[in-house]
Amino acid sequence: MRITNTTLTAGAAALALLASGCGTGTTPSAAAAPPARTTTPRTTTQQTAQHTTTPAAGDAGRAIAASAMSAPYGFAAQSTAARTTTTTTSTQTTSARTAGAAPARCRTTGLRARVGRQDAGAGNRYAPLVLTNTSGKTCWVYGFVGLVLIDGRGDVLRTRTRRESVTPHRVTLRPGASAHARLHWTVVPSGHETRCPASARLMIIPPDEVAHLEVPFKATVCDDGRIDARPMAPGASL
């Protein structure tokens, strides 16, 4: 049997056709599965990456924007808080100053004393004892003064200061203002007295003070040096 090139060519073509037919029958199912396995993870990964990446980018953008906006607002808030604190401190300072500026009791060192004109009548004498505020600050006096008679030689005379039954009231004295206490004494000897000693000066102790003031006071005080005194009242005269 003689085999020609044409026969070989036809046989090769037939084998090729047979091989192609066999591949077409088995390959589609085997080749279809891998794309399914490959495509699904890829799609899932891409979708997951997209879902994950997009919010992260949005959050980051919002975070950056919020950070950029919070800086000036935070500064403004701090400034407002600082102003509020300053205002509160100023208010407290003002309150402290106001409380510190409240009038205090008048001290002996901030007062000047004198005895006003004496009024005479039927053996009795009346005169205002005047205290004037020289401190430069407002102060107040309340109550009764203490008194001691001194003669021309500087000796202390017997003195009895009796407080009259008059309700005392606080008297506020601005700088230069005065308050007075009405004094009363007799010039007629009584009891065992044959004569009454004469005073030259009067020692005055302002209400609630210890230090004293001295002023000229020429008077004859009888009844063992008794002087009736009223509490301090506004003004410089009876």
Protein backbone atom coordinates (compact mmCIF):
# COMPACT_ATOMS: atom_id res chain seq x y z
CA MET A 1 0.00 0.00 0.00
CA ARG A 2 1.33 3.31 -1.01
CA ILE A 3 0.83 6.20 1.31
CA THR A 4 1.00 9.56 -0.26
CA ASN A 5 1.51 12.99 1.20
CA THR A 6 -2.10 13.74 0.54
CA THR A 7 -3.15 10.79 2.63
CA LEU A 8 -0.87 11.81 5.52
CA THR A 9 -2.17 15.32 5.35
CA ALA A 10 -5.76 14.11 5.49
CA GLY A 11 -4.98 11.81 8.42
CA ALA A 12 -3.31 14.58 10.35
CA ALA A 13 -6.28 16.80 9.76
CA ALA A 14 -8.62 14.08 10.97
CA LEU A 15 -6.61 13.54 14.17
CA ALA A 16 -6.57 17.25 14.78
CA LEU A 17 -10.30 17.42 14.29
CA LEU A 18 -10.80 14.50 16.67
CA ALA A 19 -8.58 16.08 19.33
CA SER A 20 -10.43 19.37 18.97
CA GLY A 21 -13.76 17.63 19.41
CA CYS A 22 -12.63 15.80 22.53
CA GLY A 23 -11.33 19.03 24.08
CA THR A 24 -14.57 20.76 23.33
CA GLY A 25 -16.44 18.07 25.24
CA THR A 26 -14.41 18.09 28.47
CA THR A 27 -12.77 21.50 28.75
CA PRO A 28 -15.80 23.86 29.14
CA SER A 29 -16.82 22.45 32.53
CA ALA A 30 -13.31 22.36 33.83
CA ALA A 31 -12.48 25.80 32.46
CA ALA A 32 -15.73 27.35 33.64
CA ALA A 33 -15.15 26.57 37.33
CA PRO A 34 -11.87 28.44 37.82
CA PRO A 35 -13.22 31.73 36.45
CA ALA A 36 -16.11 31.42 38.91
CA ARG A 37 -13.74 30.79 41.79
CA THR A 38 -11.42 33.53 40.63
CA THR A 39 -14.05 36.14 39.77
CA THR A 40 -16.05 35.90 43.01
CA PRO A 41 -13.12 36.58 45.39
CA ARG A 42 -11.90 39.33 43.12
CA THR A 43 -15.31 40.96 43.07
CA THR A 44 -15.71 40.54 46.83
CA THR A 45 -12.25 41.91 47.47
CA GLN A 46 -12.84 44.90 45.28
CA GLN A 47 -16.23 45.57 46.83
CA THR A 48 -14.82 45.14 50.32
CA ALA A 49 -11.94 47.39 49.52
CA GLN A 50 -14.29 49.95 48.06
CA HIS A 51 -16.62 49.82 51.09
CA THR A 52 -13.68 49.97 53.44
CA THR A 53 -11.70 52.64 51.67
CA THR A 54 -14.53 55.10 50.97
CA PRO A 55 -15.72 55.60 54.61
CA ALA A 56 -12.13 55.79 55.78
CA ALA A 57 -11.40 58.54 53.30
CA GLY A 58 -14.63 60.32 54.27
CA ASP A 59 -13.90 60.01 57.96
CA ALA A 60 -10.38 61.24 57.43
CA GLY A 61 -11.67 64.22 55.46
CA ARG A 62 -14.24 65.03 58.12
CA ALA A 63 -11.63 64.61 60.82
CA ILE A 64 -9.27 66.98 59.03
CA ALA A 65 -12.07 69.50 58.45
CA ALA A 66 -13.21 69.24 62.09
CA SER A 67 -9.67 69.63 63.29
CA ALA A 68 -9.17 72.69 61.11
CA MET A 69 -12.43 74.21 62.35
CA SER A 70 -11.91 73.30 66.01
CA ALA A 71 -8.68 75.23 66.25
CA PRO A 72 -10.19 78.71 65.91
CA TYR A 73 -13.38 77.77 67.79
CA GLY A 74 -11.34 76.19 70.54
CA PHE A 75 -9.29 79.36 70.80
CA ALA A 76 -12.46 81.41 70.84
CA ALA A 77 -13.87 79.18 73.57
CA GLN A 78 -10.69 79.52 75.58
CA SER A 79 -10.75 83.27 75.07
CA THR A 80 -14.40 83.40 76.16
CA ALA A 81 -13.59 81.30 79.20
CA ALA A 82 -10.65 83.56 79.96
CA ARG A 83 -12.83 86.64 79.62
CA THR A 84 -15.46 85.04 81.83
CA THR A 85 -12.81 84.18 84.42
CA THR A 86 -11.42 87.70 84.22
CA THR A 87 -14.90 89.17 84.62
CA THR A 88 -15.57 86.90 87.59
CA THR A 89 -12.24 87.84 89.12
CA SER A 90 -12.95 91.52 88.51
CA THR A 91 -16.37 91.13 90.11
CA GLN A 92 -14.85 89.34 93.09
CA THR A 93 -12.15 92.00 93.34
CA THR A 94 -14.78 94.75 93.15
CA SER A 95 -16.83 92.96 95.82
CA ALA A 96 -13.74 92.61 98.00
CA ARG A 97 -12.95 96.29 97.55
CA THR A 98 -16.54 97.22 98.35
CA ALA A 99 -16.45 95.05 101.46
CA GLY A 100 -13.06 96.47 102.40
CA ALA A 101 -14.39 100.01 101.92
CA ALA A 102 -17.22 99.51 104.44
CA PRO A 103 -16.92 102.06 107.28
CA ALA A 104 -15.17 100.94 110.44
CA ARG A 105 -15.42 102.26 113.96
CA CYS A 106 -13.85 105.66 114.50
CA ARG A 107 -10.49 105.43 116.23
CA THR A 108 -9.12 107.93 118.71
CA THR A 109 -6.25 108.78 116.36
CA GLY A 110 -8.76 109.83 113.69
CA LEU A 111 -10.85 112.08 115.93
CA ARG A 112 -10.60 115.61 117.25
CA ALA A 113 -12.53 116.63 120.38
CA ARG A 114 -13.80 119.86 121.86
CA VAL A 115 -16.44 121.02 124.34
CA GLY A 116 -18.91 123.47 122.88
CA ARG A 117 -20.56 126.48 124.42
CA GLN A 118 -21.94 125.97 127.93
CA ASP A 119 -25.57 126.74 128.61
CA ALA A 120 -26.42 127.79 132.18
CA GLY A 121 -29.71 127.53 134.05
CA ALA A 122 -30.62 127.34 137.75
CA GLY A 123 -27.34 125.84 138.91
CA ASN A 124 -27.12 123.42 135.94
CA ARG A 125 -24.77 123.43 133.02
CA TYR A 126 -25.13 121.82 129.61
CA ALA A 127 -22.58 121.56 126.84
CA PRO A 128 -21.98 119.44 123.76
CA LEU A 129 -18.89 117.25 123.69
CA VAL A 130 -18.04 117.18 119.97
CA LEU A 131 -16.03 114.52 118.14
CA THR A 132 -14.99 115.30 114.55
CA ASN A 133 -13.71 112.79 112.03
CA THR A 134 -10.24 113.84 110.85
CA SER A 135 -9.15 110.48 109.44
CA GLY A 136 -10.01 111.13 105.80
CA LYS A 137 -12.16 107.98 105.76
CA THR A 138 -15.78 107.45 106.70
CA CYS A 139 -16.20 105.87 110.13
CA TRP A 140 -18.85 105.53 112.80
CA VAL A 141 -19.30 106.09 116.54
CA TYR A 142 -21.75 104.33 118.81
CA GLY A 143 -22.55 104.69 122.48
CA PHE A 144 -21.06 106.68 125.34
CA VAL A 145 -17.77 108.44 126.00
CA GLY A 146 -15.58 108.09 129.07
CA LEU A 147 -14.62 111.26 131.00
CA VAL A 148 -11.95 112.26 133.54
CA LEU A 149 -11.58 115.75 135.06
CA ILE A 150 -8.07 117.21 135.47
CA ASP A 151 -7.23 120.32 137.50
CA GLY A 152 -4.75 123.10 136.70
CA ARG A 153 -1.84 121.19 138.28
CA GLY A 154 -2.47 118.11 136.19
CA ASP A 155 -4.00 116.10 138.99
CA VAL A 156 -6.98 113.91 138.34
CA LEU A 157 -10.15 115.04 140.07
CA ARG A 158 -12.90 112.77 141.30
CA THR A 159 -15.12 112.12 138.31
CA ARG A 160 -18.37 110.16 138.08
CA THR A 161 -19.70 109.73 134.58
CA ARG A 162 -23.33 108.64 134.59
CA ARG A 163 -24.95 107.37 131.43
CA GLU A 164 -28.44 108.71 130.81
CA SER A 165 -31.23 106.33 129.90
CA VAL A 166 -31.19 107.13 126.19
CA THR A 167 -30.99 104.43 123.52
CA PRO A 168 -27.74 104.78 121.54
CA HIS A 169 -27.63 104.72 117.73
CA ARG A 170 -24.75 104.36 115.35
CA VAL A 171 -23.63 107.68 113.87
CA THR A 172 -21.71 107.54 110.60
CA LEU A 173 -19.17 110.29 110.13
CA ARG A 174 -17.78 111.24 106.76
CA PRO A 175 -14.43 113.02 106.73
CA GLY A 176 -14.90 116.36 108.49
CA ALA A 177 -18.31 115.44 109.95
CA SER A 178 -19.07 115.62 113.68
CA ALA A 179 -21.14 113.92 116.35
CA HIS A 180 -21.85 115.14 119.86
CA ALA A 181 -22.78 113.89 123.30
CA ARG A 182 -24.75 116.18 125.58
CA LEU A 183 -23.06 116.70 128.97
CA HIS A 184 -24.82 117.92 132.10
CA TRP A 185 -23.45 118.81 135.57
CA THR A 186 -24.35 121.00 138.53
CA VAL A 187 -22.41 123.86 140.05
CA VAL A 188 -24.23 123.85 143.40
CA PRO A 189 -22.58 121.99 146.31
CA SER A 190 -24.66 119.19 147.73
CA GLY A 191 -24.52 116.90 150.73
CA HIS A 192 -21.22 117.22 152.57
CA GLU A 193 -19.67 119.51 149.93
CA THR A 194 -18.71 123.00 150.96
CA ARG A 195 -17.01 123.85 147.71
CA CYS A 196 -16.59 122.17 144.34
CA PRO A 197 -13.21 121.69 142.66
CA ALA A 198 -12.50 123.52 139.44
CA SER A 199 -11.23 121.67 136.39
CA ALA A 200 -8.85 122.94 133.73
CA ARG A 201 -8.93 120.05 131.26
CA LEU A 202 -11.10 117.11 130.35
CA MET A 203 -9.83 113.69 129.34
CA ILE A 204 -12.12 112.05 126.78
CA ILE A 205 -12.20 108.39 125.81
CA PRO A 206 -14.23 107.86 122.59
CA PRO A 207 -16.78 105.00 122.57
CA ASP A 208 -15.17 101.53 122.67
CA GLU A 209 -11.67 103.01 122.59
CA VAL A 210 -8.79 102.93 125.08
CA ALA A 211 -6.65 105.84 123.92
CA HIS A 212 -7.87 109.27 125.03
CA LEU A 213 -7.98 112.89 123.95
CA GLU A 214 -7.59 115.98 126.18
CA VAL A 215 -9.25 119.34 125.69
CA PRO A 216 -9.51 122.56 127.73
CA PHE A 217 -12.48 122.43 130.09
CA LYS A 218 -12.87 125.13 132.71
CA ALA A 219 -15.78 124.22 134.91
CA THR A 220 -16.84 123.68 138.50
CA VAL A 221 -18.40 120.26 138.79
CA CYS A 222 -20.23 119.45 142.01
CA ASP A 223 -21.91 116.32 143.40
CA ASP A 224 -18.53 114.57 143.66
CA GLY A 225 -17.66 115.29 140.07
CA ARG A 226 -20.80 113.83 138.56
CA ILE A 227 -21.31 114.39 134.82
CA ASP A 228 -24.39 113.05 133.07
CA ALA A 229 -23.70 112.01 129.47
CA ARG A 230 -25.97 111.03 126.61
CA PRO A 231 -24.88 108.71 123.77
CA MET A 232 -23.35 110.12 120.61
CA ALA A 233 -25.80 111.88 118.28
CA PRO A 234 -25.39 113.51 114.86
CA GLY A 235 -24.20 117.11 114.59
CA ALA A 236 -22.03 119.44 116.62
CA SER A 237 -24.61 121.22 118.76
CA LEU A 238 -27.34 120.45 121.27
